[in-house]
């Protein structure tokens, strides 16, 4: 793909993913224009003051709940990355309608605006919590995934295509357990919800590069899942604060013991590649099933869970992943 001729818009562009995506876009791909679409003028100002002040960069204040504003922002846009979401599990549980308005209705607005504006490719960011969800955040992300996949039916006869990327926890992102552990380390005691807990982990940079690669390769209707390692929560605690006391406080409402990126039911429509899985659309076939010719079908009963994952990070590997974030935290 020739990114230099593209106009790219990212919703939620002032978030941790948005900033990393923008920096990599400007430094490596040099698109014609990058539009930061977000609702917080202060965060946009802080982002600009932090060095994000490139001639091809535009800041657009707006909310994904406002479809008219999205249409205005997407005028002349080729590629949209939908990263805007309410993602804090407790906040979504306490404010359910707000989560629905942003994560579900906001996603619907992004789809409508993209179709009306003739955007070529739209990639939505999802999460492992969308698989067999037990909390409202995961439920809203599952609904958003379904919207993006099924909305390809409205794109018949146009160039607009919708796909999703689904991955696990991001090292050091807002809401991550890492900054909590780093803060608790000062008191010599770390709180764990359950010692058996496991999670999928990847760095922010890995996530951004995976999203860019999937945008380049998408046909429409797929859910892309990277092959990433798992981490035991106790190993994460040892890597951050090896001398600290560990206090088990119990699993919080809406929290899972282990996360799943591909359920055994989804696996029947999934193909495996060397470094990722592609969940193909089921039911009505428009496009997106081209992956069957380049990937391998998964065995019956396959489940991609953080507890059964063959890839695991050692304490030392976790320490190396966390180190850059710790430096940032100390600098602040």
C-alpha atoms as a PDB file:
ATOM      1  CA  UNK A   1       0.000   0.000   0.000  1.00  0.00           C
ATOM      2  CA  UNK A   2       1.194   3.494  -0.850  1.00  0.00           C
ATOM      3  CA  UNK A   3       0.562   5.246   2.465  1.00  0.00           C
ATOM      4  CA  UNK A   4       2.005   8.525   1.187  1.00  0.00           C
ATOM      5  CA  UNK A   5      -1.099   9.095  -0.932  1.00  0.00           C
ATOM      6  CA  UNK A   6      -3.529   8.279   1.915  1.00  0.00           C
ATOM      7  CA  UNK A   7      -5.484  10.416   4.358  1.00  0.00           C
ATOM      8  CA  UNK A   8      -5.791   8.568   7.679  1.00  0.00           C
ATOM      9  CA  UNK A   9      -8.214   9.324  10.521  1.00  0.00           C
ATOM     10  CA  UNK A  10      -8.001   7.757  13.969  1.00  0.00           C
ATOM     11  CA  UNK A  11     -10.839   8.027  16.451  1.00  0.00           C
ATOM     12  CA  UNK A  12      -9.680   8.258  20.046  1.00  0.00           C
ATOM     13  CA  UNK A  13      -6.420   9.554  18.623  1.00  0.00           C
ATOM     14  CA  UNK A  14      -5.178  11.090  21.881  1.00  0.00           C
ATOM     15  CA  UNK A  15      -5.119   7.733  23.687  1.00  0.00           C
ATOM     16  CA  UNK A  16      -2.039   5.584  24.236  1.00  0.00           C
ATOM     17  CA  UNK A  17      -2.644   3.604  21.034  1.00  0.00           C
ATOM     18  CA  UNK A  18      -3.507   6.722  19.043  1.00  0.00           C
ATOM     19  CA  UNK A  19      -0.323   8.532  19.974  1.00  0.00           C
ATOM     20  CA  UNK A  20       1.912   5.561  19.207  1.00  0.00           C
ATOM     21  CA  UNK A  21       0.075   4.925  15.928  1.00  0.00           C
ATOM     22  CA  UNK A  22       0.432   8.573  14.948  1.00  0.00           C
ATOM     23  CA  UNK A  23       4.143   8.680  15.738  1.00  0.00           C
ATOM     24  CA  UNK A  24       4.863   5.525  13.714  1.00  0.00           C
ATOM     25  CA  UNK A  25       2.716   6.783  10.834  1.00  0.00           C
ATOM     26  CA  UNK A  26       4.542  10.123  10.671  1.00  0.00           C
ATOM     27  CA  UNK A  27       8.045   8.680  11.088  1.00  0.00           C
ATOM     28  CA  UNK A  28       7.819   5.613   8.862  1.00  0.00           C
ATOM     29  CA  UNK A  29       4.871   5.853   6.459  1.00  0.00           C
ATOM     30  CA  UNK A  30       4.431   9.644   5.872  1.00  0.00           C
ATOM     31  CA  UNK A  31       0.762   9.665   4.837  1.00  0.00           C
ATOM     32  CA  UNK A  32      -0.622  12.728   3.108  1.00  0.00           C
ATOM     33  CA  UNK A  33      -2.575  13.617   6.233  1.00  0.00           C
ATOM     34  CA  UNK A  34      -3.259  12.162   9.710  1.00  0.00           C
ATOM     35  CA  UNK A  35      -6.415  13.361  11.468  1.00  0.00           C
ATOM     36  CA  UNK A  36      -6.720  13.016  15.242  1.00  0.00           C
ATOM     37  CA  UNK A  37     -10.420  12.745  16.076  1.00  0.00           C
ATOM     38  CA  UNK A  38     -11.219  13.005  19.797  1.00  0.00           C
ATOM     39  CA  UNK A  39     -13.517  14.867  22.156  1.00  0.00           C
ATOM     40  CA  UNK A  40     -11.020  16.287  24.685  1.00  0.00           C
ATOM     41  CA  UNK A  41      -9.433  19.604  23.712  1.00  0.00           C
ATOM     42  CA  UNK A  42      -6.980  19.434  26.636  1.00  0.00           C
ATOM     43  CA  UNK A  43      -5.602  16.063  25.537  1.00  0.00           C
ATOM     44  CA  UNK A  44      -5.227  17.375  21.998  1.00  0.00           C
ATOM     45  CA  UNK A  45      -3.357  20.405  23.316  1.00  0.00           C
ATOM     46  CA  UNK A  46      -1.118  18.206  25.489  1.00  0.00           C
ATOM     47  CA  UNK A  47      -0.453  15.909  22.533  1.00  0.00           C
ATOM     48  CA  UNK A  48       0.576  18.868  20.399  1.00  0.00           C
ATOM     49  CA  UNK A  49       2.813  20.218  23.177  1.00  0.00           C
ATOM     50  CA  UNK A  50       4.420  16.755  23.506  1.00  0.00           C
ATOM     51  CA  UNK A  51       5.828  17.121  19.988  1.00  0.00           C
ATOM     52  CA  UNK A  52       2.958  15.942  17.818  1.00  0.00           C
ATOM     53  CA  UNK A  53       2.989  19.057  15.651  1.00  0.00           C
ATOM     54  CA  UNK A  54       3.743  17.785  12.155  1.00  0.00           C
ATOM     55  CA  UNK A  55       2.634  19.710   9.018  1.00  0.00           C
ATOM     56  CA  UNK A  56       0.498  16.732   7.910  1.00  0.00           C
ATOM     57  CA  UNK A  57      -1.190  16.390  11.318  1.00  0.00           C
ATOM     58  CA  UNK A  58      -4.718  17.716  11.960  1.00  0.00           C
ATOM     59  CA  UNK A  59      -6.650  17.881  15.230  1.00  0.00           C
ATOM     60  CA  UNK A  60     -10.405  17.473  14.968  1.00  0.00           C
ATOM     61  CA  UNK A  61     -12.594  17.844  18.065  1.00  0.00           C
ATOM     62  CA  UNK A  62     -15.605  15.571  17.972  1.00  0.00           C
ATOM     63  CA  UNK A  63     -17.353  12.650  19.636  1.00  0.00           C
ATOM     64  CA  UNK A  64     -18.111   9.300  17.977  1.00  0.00           C
ATOM     65  CA  UNK A  65     -21.625   9.730  19.374  1.00  0.00           C
ATOM     66  CA  UNK A  66     -22.095  12.557  16.849  1.00  0.00           C
ATOM     67  CA  UNK A  67     -22.516  11.016  13.381  1.00  0.00           C
ATOM     68  CA  UNK A  68     -22.712  14.426  11.690  1.00  0.00           C
ATOM     69  CA  UNK A  69     -19.346  15.445  13.068  1.00  0.00           C
ATOM     70  CA  UNK A  70     -17.877  12.112  11.955  1.00  0.00           C
ATOM     71  CA  UNK A  71     -19.140  12.661   8.420  1.00  0.00           C
ATOM     72  CA  UNK A  72     -17.509  16.077   8.369  1.00  0.00           C
ATOM     73  CA  UNK A  73     -14.227  14.672   9.695  1.00  0.00           C
ATOM     74  CA  UNK A  74     -14.171  11.787   7.186  1.00  0.00           C
ATOM     75  CA  UNK A  75     -14.545  13.954   4.110  1.00  0.00           C
ATOM     76  CA  UNK A  76     -11.697  12.929   1.774  1.00  0.00           C
ATOM     77  CA  UNK A  77     -10.436  10.235   4.192  1.00  0.00           C
ATOM     78  CA  UNK A  78      -9.130   6.918   2.806  1.00  0.00           C
ATOM     79  CA  UNK A  79      -8.449   4.923   5.981  1.00  0.00           C
ATOM     80  CA  UNK A  80     -10.101   5.022   9.414  1.00  0.00           C
ATOM     81  CA  UNK A  81      -8.747   3.364  12.560  1.00  0.00           C
ATOM     82  CA  UNK A  82     -11.480   3.189  15.191  1.00  0.00           C
ATOM     83  CA  UNK A  83      -9.785   3.237  18.592  1.00  0.00           C
ATOM     84  CA  UNK A  84     -12.243   5.391  20.571  1.00  0.00           C
ATOM     85  CA  UNK A  85     -13.913   3.513  23.430  1.00  0.00           C
ATOM     86  CA  UNK A  86     -14.806   3.539  27.087  1.00  0.00           C
ATOM     87  CA  UNK A  87     -12.542   0.734  28.320  1.00  0.00           C
ATOM     88  CA  UNK A  88     -12.390   0.801  32.126  1.00  0.00           C
ATOM     89  CA  UNK A  89     -14.336  -2.269  33.266  1.00  0.00           C
ATOM     90  CA  UNK A  90     -15.589  -0.806  36.608  1.00  0.00           C
ATOM     91  CA  UNK A  91     -16.600   2.477  34.934  1.00  0.00           C
ATOM     92  CA  UNK A  92     -18.536   0.626  32.237  1.00  0.00           C
ATOM     93  CA  UNK A  93     -20.293  -1.490  34.858  1.00  0.00           C
ATOM     94  CA  UNK A  94     -21.317   1.590  36.840  1.00  0.00           C
ATOM     95  CA  UNK A  95     -22.268   3.645  33.749  1.00  0.00           C
ATOM     96  CA  UNK A  96     -23.733   1.019  31.399  1.00  0.00           C
ATOM     97  CA  UNK A  97     -25.647   3.334  29.062  1.00  0.00           C
ATOM     98  CA  UNK A  98     -22.579   5.541  28.591  1.00  0.00           C
ATOM     99  CA  UNK A  99     -20.556   2.494  27.536  1.00  0.00           C
ATOM    100  CA  UNK A 100     -23.312   1.461  25.124  1.00  0.00           C
ATOM    101  CA  UNK A 101     -23.554   4.974  23.637  1.00  0.00           C
ATOM    102  CA  UNK A 102     -19.809   5.183  22.961  1.00  0.00           C
ATOM    103  CA  UNK A 103     -18.777   1.597  22.244  1.00  0.00           C
ATOM    104  CA  UNK A 104     -21.846   0.356  20.341  1.00  0.00           C
ATOM    105  CA  UNK A 105     -23.732   3.366  19.018  1.00  0.00           C
ATOM    106  CA  UNK A 106     -20.451   5.207  18.430  1.00  0.00           C
ATOM    107  CA  UNK A 107     -19.199   2.277  16.358  1.00  0.00           C
ATOM    108  CA  UNK A 108     -22.423   2.326  14.364  1.00  0.00           C
ATOM    109  CA  UNK A 109     -21.874   6.036  13.704  1.00  0.00           C
ATOM    110  CA  UNK A 110     -18.318   5.386  12.491  1.00  0.00           C
ATOM    111  CA  UNK A 111     -19.665   2.765  10.082  1.00  0.00           C
ATOM    112  CA  UNK A 112     -22.424   5.033   8.751  1.00  0.00           C
ATOM    113  CA  UNK A 113     -20.061   7.981   8.309  1.00  0.00           C
ATOM    114  CA  UNK A 114     -17.474   5.816   6.545  1.00  0.00           C
ATOM    115  CA  UNK A 115     -20.074   4.439   4.120  1.00  0.00           C
ATOM    116  CA  UNK A 116     -21.490   7.900   3.426  1.00  0.00           C
ATOM    117  CA  UNK A 117     -18.016   9.409   2.943  1.00  0.00           C
ATOM    118  CA  UNK A 118     -16.638   6.657   0.700  1.00  0.00           C
ATOM    119  CA  UNK A 119     -13.797   5.632   3.044  1.00  0.00           C
ATOM    120  CA  UNK A 120     -11.888   2.669   1.579  1.00  0.00           C
ATOM    121  CA  UNK A 121     -10.810   0.771   4.699  1.00  0.00           C
ATOM    122  CA  UNK A 122     -12.003   0.886   8.296  1.00  0.00           C
ATOM    123  CA  UNK A 123     -10.218  -1.085  11.015  1.00  0.00           C
ATOM    124  CA  UNK A 124     -11.743  -1.336  14.491  1.00  0.00           C
ATOM    125  CA  UNK A 125      -9.750  -2.249  17.597  1.00  0.00           C
ATOM    126  CA  UNK A 126     -11.235  -4.976  19.780  1.00  0.00           C
ATOM    127  CA  UNK A 127     -10.143  -6.950  22.831  1.00  0.00           C
ATOM    128  CA  UNK A 128      -9.908 -10.463  24.218  1.00  0.00           C
ATOM    129  CA  UNK A 129     -12.713  -9.445  26.596  1.00  0.00           C
ATOM    130  CA  UNK A 130     -15.108  -9.539  23.613  1.00  0.00           C
ATOM    131  CA  UNK A 131     -14.824 -13.356  23.545  1.00  0.00           C
ATOM    132  CA  UNK A 132     -17.442 -15.000  25.790  1.00  0.00           C
ATOM    133  CA  UNK A 133     -17.874 -11.681  27.656  1.00  0.00           C
ATOM    134  CA  UNK A 134     -18.828 -11.579  31.329  1.00  0.00           C
ATOM    135  CA  UNK A 135     -18.711  -7.795  31.785  1.00  0.00           C
ATOM    136  CA  UNK A 136     -20.386  -4.906  29.997  1.00  0.00           C
ATOM    137  CA  UNK A 137     -17.164  -3.640  28.426  1.00  0.00           C
ATOM    138  CA  UNK A 138     -16.560  -6.991  26.734  1.00  0.00           C
ATOM    139  CA  UNK A 139     -20.205  -7.184  25.702  1.00  0.00           C
ATOM    140  CA  UNK A 140     -20.094  -3.773  24.023  1.00  0.00           C
ATOM    141  CA  UNK A 141     -16.888  -4.679  22.193  1.00  0.00           C
ATOM    142  CA  UNK A 142     -18.426  -7.941  20.997  1.00  0.00           C
ATOM    143  CA  UNK A 143     -21.417  -5.990  19.679  1.00  0.00           C
ATOM    144  CA  UNK A 144     -19.051  -3.528  17.977  1.00  0.00           C
ATOM    145  CA  UNK A 145     -17.184  -6.428  16.333  1.00  0.00           C
ATOM    146  CA  UNK A 146     -20.443  -7.848  14.991  1.00  0.00           C
ATOM    147  CA  UNK A 147     -21.430  -4.427  13.645  1.00  0.00           C
ATOM    148  CA  UNK A 148     -18.151  -4.008  11.788  1.00  0.00           C
ATOM    149  CA  UNK A 149     -18.169  -7.499  10.306  1.00  0.00           C
ATOM    150  CA  UNK A 150     -21.821  -7.495   9.251  1.00  0.00           C
ATOM    151  CA  UNK A 151     -21.754  -3.926   7.915  1.00  0.00           C
ATOM    152  CA  UNK A 152     -19.762  -5.168   4.941  1.00  0.00           C
ATOM    153  CA  UNK A 153     -23.170  -6.202   3.613  1.00  0.00           C
ATOM    154  CA  UNK A 154     -23.944  -2.490   3.124  1.00  0.00           C
ATOM    155  CA  UNK A 155     -20.688  -1.978   1.206  1.00  0.00           C
ATOM    156  CA  UNK A 156     -21.734  -4.013  -1.834  1.00  0.00           C
ATOM    157  CA  UNK A 157     -20.839  -2.137  -4.995  1.00  0.00           C
ATOM    158  CA  UNK A 158     -18.514   0.229  -3.133  1.00  0.00           C
ATOM    159  CA  UNK A 159     -14.847   0.134  -2.127  1.00  0.00           C
ATOM    160  CA  UNK A 160     -15.577   0.455   1.595  1.00  0.00           C
ATOM    161  CA  UNK A 161     -14.446  -2.499   3.701  1.00  0.00           C
ATOM    162  CA  UNK A 162     -14.676  -3.122   7.467  1.00  0.00           C
ATOM    163  CA  UNK A 163     -12.484  -5.413   9.587  1.00  0.00           C
ATOM    164  CA  UNK A 164     -11.386  -5.796  13.219  1.00  0.00           C
ATOM    165  CA  UNK A 165      -8.185  -6.460  15.125  1.00  0.00           C
ATOM    166  CA  UNK A 166      -8.537  -8.311  18.431  1.00  0.00           C
ATOM    167  CA  UNK A 167      -5.652  -8.626  20.888  1.00  0.00           C
ATOM    168  CA  UNK A 168      -4.884  -8.847  24.602  1.00  0.00           C
ATOM    169  CA  UNK A 169      -3.497  -6.566  27.274  1.00  0.00           C
ATOM    170  CA  UNK A 170      -1.081  -3.850  26.195  1.00  0.00           C
ATOM    171  CA  UNK A 171       1.998  -3.214  28.328  1.00  0.00           C
ATOM    172  CA  UNK A 172       1.724   0.151  30.053  1.00  0.00           C
ATOM    173  CA  UNK A 173      -1.513   1.309  28.441  1.00  0.00           C
ATOM    174  CA  UNK A 174      -4.068   3.274  30.427  1.00  0.00           C
ATOM    175  CA  UNK A 175      -5.902   0.885  32.732  1.00  0.00           C
ATOM    176  CA  UNK A 176      -3.087  -1.673  32.641  1.00  0.00           C
ATOM    177  CA  UNK A 177      -2.093  -3.402  35.879  1.00  0.00           C
ATOM    178  CA  UNK A 178       1.557  -2.425  35.308  1.00  0.00           C
ATOM    179  CA  UNK A 179       1.289   1.222  36.440  1.00  0.00           C
ATOM    180  CA  UNK A 180      -0.656  -0.001  39.479  1.00  0.00           C
ATOM    181  CA  UNK A 181       2.109  -2.447  40.400  1.00  0.00           C
ATOM    182  CA  UNK A 182       4.791   0.205  39.823  1.00  0.00           C
ATOM    183  CA  UNK A 183       2.943   2.551  42.190  1.00  0.00           C
ATOM    184  CA  UNK A 184       2.320  -0.142  44.821  1.00  0.00           C
ATOM    185  CA  UNK A 185       5.977  -1.166  44.715  1.00  0.00           C
ATOM    186  CA  UNK A 186       6.832   1.988  46.674  1.00  0.00           C
ATOM    187  CA  UNK A 187       4.868   0.604  49.639  1.00  0.00           C
ATOM    188  CA  UNK A 188       6.374  -2.878  49.438  1.00  0.00           C
ATOM    189  CA  UNK A 189       3.051  -4.653  48.861  1.00  0.00           C
ATOM    190  CA  UNK A 190       1.330  -5.651  45.600  1.00  0.00           C
ATOM    191  CA  UNK A 191      -2.339  -6.670  45.446  1.00  0.00           C
ATOM    192  CA  UNK A 192      -3.325  -9.634  43.250  1.00  0.00           C
ATOM    193  CA  UNK A 193      -6.884 -10.654  42.524  1.00  0.00           C
ATOM    194  CA  UNK A 194      -5.954 -14.335  42.052  1.00  0.00           C
ATOM    195  CA  UNK A 195      -2.559 -16.052  41.890  1.00  0.00           C
ATOM    196  CA  UNK A 196      -3.747 -18.384  39.104  1.00  0.00           C
ATOM    197  CA  UNK A 197      -4.627 -15.532  36.748  1.00  0.00           C
ATOM    198  CA  UNK A 198      -3.101 -15.403  33.246  1.00  0.00           C
ATOM    199  CA  UNK A 199      -3.286 -12.790  30.487  1.00  0.00           C
ATOM    200  CA  UNK A 200      -2.181 -12.259  26.893  1.00  0.00           C
ATOM    201  CA  UNK A 201       0.437  -9.490  26.599  1.00  0.00           C
ATOM    202  CA  UNK A 202       2.000  -7.412  23.840  1.00  0.00           C
ATOM    203  CA  UNK A 203       3.712  -4.045  23.613  1.00  0.00           C
ATOM    204  CA  UNK A 204       2.030  -0.944  22.249  1.00  0.00           C
ATOM    205  CA  UNK A 205       4.469  -0.864  19.341  1.00  0.00           C
ATOM    206  CA  UNK A 206       3.695  -4.491  18.471  1.00  0.00           C
ATOM    207  CA  UNK A 207      -0.012  -3.678  18.526  1.00  0.00           C
ATOM    208  CA  UNK A 208       0.389  -0.675  16.224  1.00  0.00           C
ATOM    209  CA  UNK A 209       2.519  -2.537  13.685  1.00  0.00           C
ATOM    210  CA  UNK A 210       0.035  -5.423  13.682  1.00  0.00           C
ATOM    211  CA  UNK A 211      -2.872  -3.039  13.015  1.00  0.00           C
ATOM    212  CA  UNK A 212      -0.992  -1.364  10.146  1.00  0.00           C
ATOM    213  CA  UNK A 213      -0.150  -4.739   8.596  1.00  0.00           C
ATOM    214  CA  UNK A 214      -3.775  -5.891   8.861  1.00  0.00           C
ATOM    215  CA  UNK A 215      -5.044  -2.697   7.227  1.00  0.00           C
ATOM    216  CA  UNK A 216      -2.734  -3.414   4.306  1.00  0.00           C
ATOM    217  CA  UNK A 217      -3.946  -7.018   3.983  1.00  0.00           C
ATOM    218  CA  UNK A 218      -7.655  -6.824   4.894  1.00  0.00           C
ATOM    219  CA  UNK A 219     -10.316  -8.018   2.470  1.00  0.00           C
ATOM    220  CA  UNK A 220     -13.286  -7.093   4.674  1.00  0.00           C
ATOM    221  CA  UNK A 221     -15.209  -9.019   7.308  1.00  0.00           C
ATOM    222  CA  UNK A 222     -12.221 -10.612   9.071  1.00  0.00           C
ATOM    223  CA  UNK A 223     -11.178 -10.427  12.702  1.00  0.00           C
ATOM    224  CA  UNK A 224      -7.380 -10.519  12.919  1.00  0.00           C
ATOM    225  CA  UNK A 225      -5.796 -12.061  16.034  1.00  0.00           C
ATOM    226  CA  UNK A 226      -2.012 -11.952  16.606  1.00  0.00           C
ATOM    227  CA  UNK A 227      -0.127 -14.900  18.046  1.00  0.00           C
ATOM    228  CA  UNK A 228       1.197 -13.392  21.266  1.00  0.00           C
ATOM    229  CA  UNK A 229       2.595 -14.796  24.520  1.00  0.00           C
ATOM    230  CA  UNK A 230       0.832 -15.264  27.836  1.00  0.00           C
ATOM    231  CA  UNK A 231       1.900 -14.034  31.245  1.00  0.00           C
ATOM    232  CA  UNK A 232       1.155 -15.312  34.721  1.00  0.00           C
ATOM    233  CA  UNK A 233       0.115 -12.471  36.983  1.00  0.00           C
ATOM    234  CA  UNK A 234       2.491 -13.709  39.706  1.00  0.00           C
ATOM    235  CA  UNK A 235       5.399 -13.588  37.231  1.00  0.00           C
ATOM    236  CA  UNK A 236       4.424 -10.032  36.310  1.00  0.00           C
ATOM    237  CA  UNK A 237       4.487  -9.093  39.979  1.00  0.00           C
ATOM    238  CA  UNK A 238       7.914 -10.734  40.438  1.00  0.00           C
ATOM    239  CA  UNK A 239       9.297  -8.886  37.416  1.00  0.00           C
ATOM    240  CA  UNK A 240       8.169  -5.479  38.697  1.00  0.00           C
ATOM    241  CA  UNK A 241       8.719  -5.896  42.436  1.00  0.00           C
ATOM    242  CA  UNK A 242      10.622  -9.109  43.286  1.00  0.00           C
ATOM    243  CA  UNK A 243      10.962  -8.198  46.964  1.00  0.00           C
ATOM    244  CA  UNK A 244       7.398  -7.039  47.515  1.00  0.00           C
ATOM    245  CA  UNK A 245       4.794  -8.884  49.557  1.00  0.00           C
ATOM    246  CA  UNK A 246       1.858 -10.249  47.522  1.00  0.00           C
ATOM    247  CA  UNK A 247      -1.656  -9.829  48.900  1.00  0.00           C
ATOM    248  CA  UNK A 248      -4.493 -11.800  47.246  1.00  0.00           C
ATOM    249  CA  UNK A 249      -7.721  -9.770  47.344  1.00  0.00           C
ATOM    250  CA  UNK A 250     -10.053 -11.886  45.180  1.00  0.00           C
ATOM    251  CA  UNK A 251     -11.351 -11.609  41.620  1.00  0.00           C
ATOM    252  CA  UNK A 252     -13.269  -8.404  40.979  1.00  0.00           C
ATOM    253  CA  UNK A 253     -16.764  -8.341  39.455  1.00  0.00           C
ATOM    254  CA  UNK A 254     -16.573  -8.763  35.681  1.00  0.00           C
ATOM    255  CA  UNK A 255     -13.033 -10.145  35.760  1.00  0.00           C
ATOM    256  CA  UNK A 256     -11.967 -13.505  34.298  1.00  0.00           C
ATOM    257  CA  UNK A 257      -9.366 -15.906  35.609  1.00  0.00           C
ATOM    258  CA  UNK A 258      -8.067 -16.472  32.063  1.00  0.00           C
ATOM    259  CA  UNK A 259      -8.737 -14.626  28.800  1.00  0.00           C
ATOM    260  CA  UNK A 260      -9.626 -16.134  25.424  1.00  0.00           C
ATOM    261  CA  UNK A 261      -8.772 -14.634  22.031  1.00  0.00           C
ATOM    262  CA  UNK A 262     -10.498 -17.306  19.926  1.00  0.00           C
ATOM    263  CA  UNK A 263     -13.303 -19.478  21.275  1.00  0.00           C
ATOM    264  CA  UNK A 264     -13.743 -23.086  20.215  1.00  0.00           C
ATOM    265  CA  UNK A 265     -16.900 -22.102  18.305  1.00  0.00           C
ATOM    266  CA  UNK A 266     -15.081 -19.345  16.397  1.00  0.00           C
ATOM    267  CA  UNK A 267     -12.202 -21.693  15.629  1.00  0.00           C
ATOM    268  CA  UNK A 268     -14.342 -23.526  13.077  1.00  0.00           C
ATOM    269  CA  UNK A 269     -14.256 -20.429  10.845  1.00  0.00           C
ATOM    270  CA  UNK A 270     -10.646 -19.499  11.656  1.00  0.00           C
ATOM    271  CA  UNK A 271      -7.463 -20.093   9.698  1.00  0.00           C
ATOM    272  CA  UNK A 272      -3.950 -20.090  11.111  1.00  0.00           C
ATOM    273  CA  UNK A 273      -0.990 -18.274   9.607  1.00  0.00           C
ATOM    274  CA  UNK A 274       2.600 -18.213  10.859  1.00  0.00           C
ATOM    275  CA  UNK A 275       2.135 -15.287  13.240  1.00  0.00           C
ATOM    276  CA  UNK A 276      -1.614 -14.684  13.412  1.00  0.00           C
ATOM    277  CA  UNK A 277      -5.092 -16.151  13.169  1.00  0.00           C
ATOM    278  CA  UNK A 278      -7.856 -14.858  10.899  1.00  0.00           C
ATOM    279  CA  UNK A 279     -11.456 -15.348  12.013  1.00  0.00           C
ATOM    280  CA  UNK A 280     -13.421 -15.387   8.770  1.00  0.00           C
ATOM    281  CA  UNK A 281     -17.006 -14.124   8.478  1.00  0.00           C
ATOM    282  CA  UNK A 282     -19.681 -16.787   8.813  1.00  0.00           C
ATOM    283  CA  UNK A 283     -23.158 -16.897   7.317  1.00  0.00           C
ATOM    284  CA  UNK A 284     -23.610 -14.532   4.391  1.00  0.00           C
ATOM    285  CA  UNK A 285     -20.462 -14.523   2.285  1.00  0.00           C
ATOM    286  CA  UNK A 286     -19.355 -11.267   0.673  1.00  0.00           C
ATOM    287  CA  UNK A 287     -15.589 -11.322   1.013  1.00  0.00           C
ATOM    288  CA  UNK A 288     -13.055 -12.092   3.708  1.00  0.00           C
ATOM    289  CA  UNK A 289     -12.864 -15.843   3.105  1.00  0.00           C
ATOM    290  CA  UNK A 290      -9.889 -15.539   0.783  1.00  0.00           C
ATOM    291  CA  UNK A 291      -7.693 -16.527   3.727  1.00  0.00           C
ATOM    292  CA  UNK A 292      -8.687 -20.179   3.366  1.00  0.00           C
ATOM    293  CA  UNK A 293      -6.289 -20.414   0.437  1.00  0.00           C
ATOM    294  CA  UNK A 294      -3.260 -19.121   2.374  1.00  0.00           C
ATOM    295  CA  UNK A 295      -3.851 -20.435   5.898  1.00  0.00           C
ATOM    296  CA  UNK A 296      -4.416 -23.719   7.704  1.00  0.00           C
ATOM    297  CA  UNK A 297      -7.702 -24.807   9.238  1.00  0.00           C
ATOM    298  CA  UNK A 298      -7.669 -25.291  13.000  1.00  0.00           C
ATOM    299  CA  UNK A 299      -8.322 -28.677  14.616  1.00  0.00           C
ATOM    300  CA  UNK A 300     -11.689 -29.453  16.196  1.00  0.00           C
ATOM    301  CA  UNK A 301     -11.964 -28.143  19.730  1.00  0.00           C
ATOM    302  CA  UNK A 302      -9.204 -25.555  19.300  1.00  0.00           C
ATOM    303  CA  UNK A 303      -9.347 -22.693  21.799  1.00  0.00           C
ATOM    304  CA  UNK A 304      -6.824 -19.872  21.989  1.00  0.00           C
ATOM    305  CA  UNK A 305      -6.730 -19.113  25.711  1.00  0.00           C
ATOM    306  CA  UNK A 306      -4.148 -17.391  27.876  1.00  0.00           C
ATOM    307  CA  UNK A 307      -3.959 -20.479  30.113  1.00  0.00           C
ATOM    308  CA  UNK A 308      -3.397 -23.023  27.300  1.00  0.00           C
ATOM    309  CA  UNK A 309      -1.190 -20.819  25.118  1.00  0.00           C
ATOM    310  CA  UNK A 310       2.091 -22.590  24.188  1.00  0.00           C
ATOM    311  CA  UNK A 311       3.943 -19.236  24.315  1.00  0.00           C
ATOM    312  CA  UNK A 312       4.854 -17.897  27.775  1.00  0.00           C
ATOM    313  CA  UNK A 313       6.935 -14.945  28.896  1.00  0.00           C
ATOM    314  CA  UNK A 314       9.585 -15.613  31.526  1.00  0.00           C
ATOM    315  CA  UNK A 315      10.119 -13.225  34.430  1.00  0.00           C
ATOM    316  CA  UNK A 316      13.186 -11.822  32.682  1.00  0.00           C
ATOM    317  CA  UNK A 317      11.308 -11.310  29.404  1.00  0.00           C
ATOM    318  CA  UNK A 318       8.519  -9.540  31.286  1.00  0.00           C
ATOM    319  CA  UNK A 319      11.100  -7.333  32.979  1.00  0.00           C
ATOM    320  CA  UNK A 320      12.488  -6.319  29.580  1.00  0.00           C
ATOM    321  CA  UNK A 321       8.998  -5.473  28.284  1.00  0.00           C
ATOM    322  CA  UNK A 322       8.127  -3.421  31.351  1.00  0.00           C
ATOM    323  CA  UNK A 323      11.448  -1.548  31.599  1.00  0.00           C
ATOM    324  CA  UNK A 324      10.672   1.218  29.034  1.00  0.00           C
ATOM    325  CA  UNK A 325       7.369   1.971  30.727  1.00  0.00           C
ATOM    326  CA  UNK A 326       8.991   2.129  34.150  1.00  0.00           C
ATOM    327  CA  UNK A 327      11.457   4.717  32.839  1.00  0.00           C
ATOM    328  CA  UNK A 328       8.558   6.829  31.562  1.00  0.00           C
ATOM    329  CA  UNK A 329       6.818   6.517  34.916  1.00  0.00           C
ATOM    330  CA  UNK A 330       9.908   7.567  36.831  1.00  0.00           C
ATOM    331  CA  UNK A 331      10.448  10.494  34.488  1.00  0.00           C
ATOM    332  CA  UNK A 332       7.005  11.833  35.308  1.00  0.00           C
END
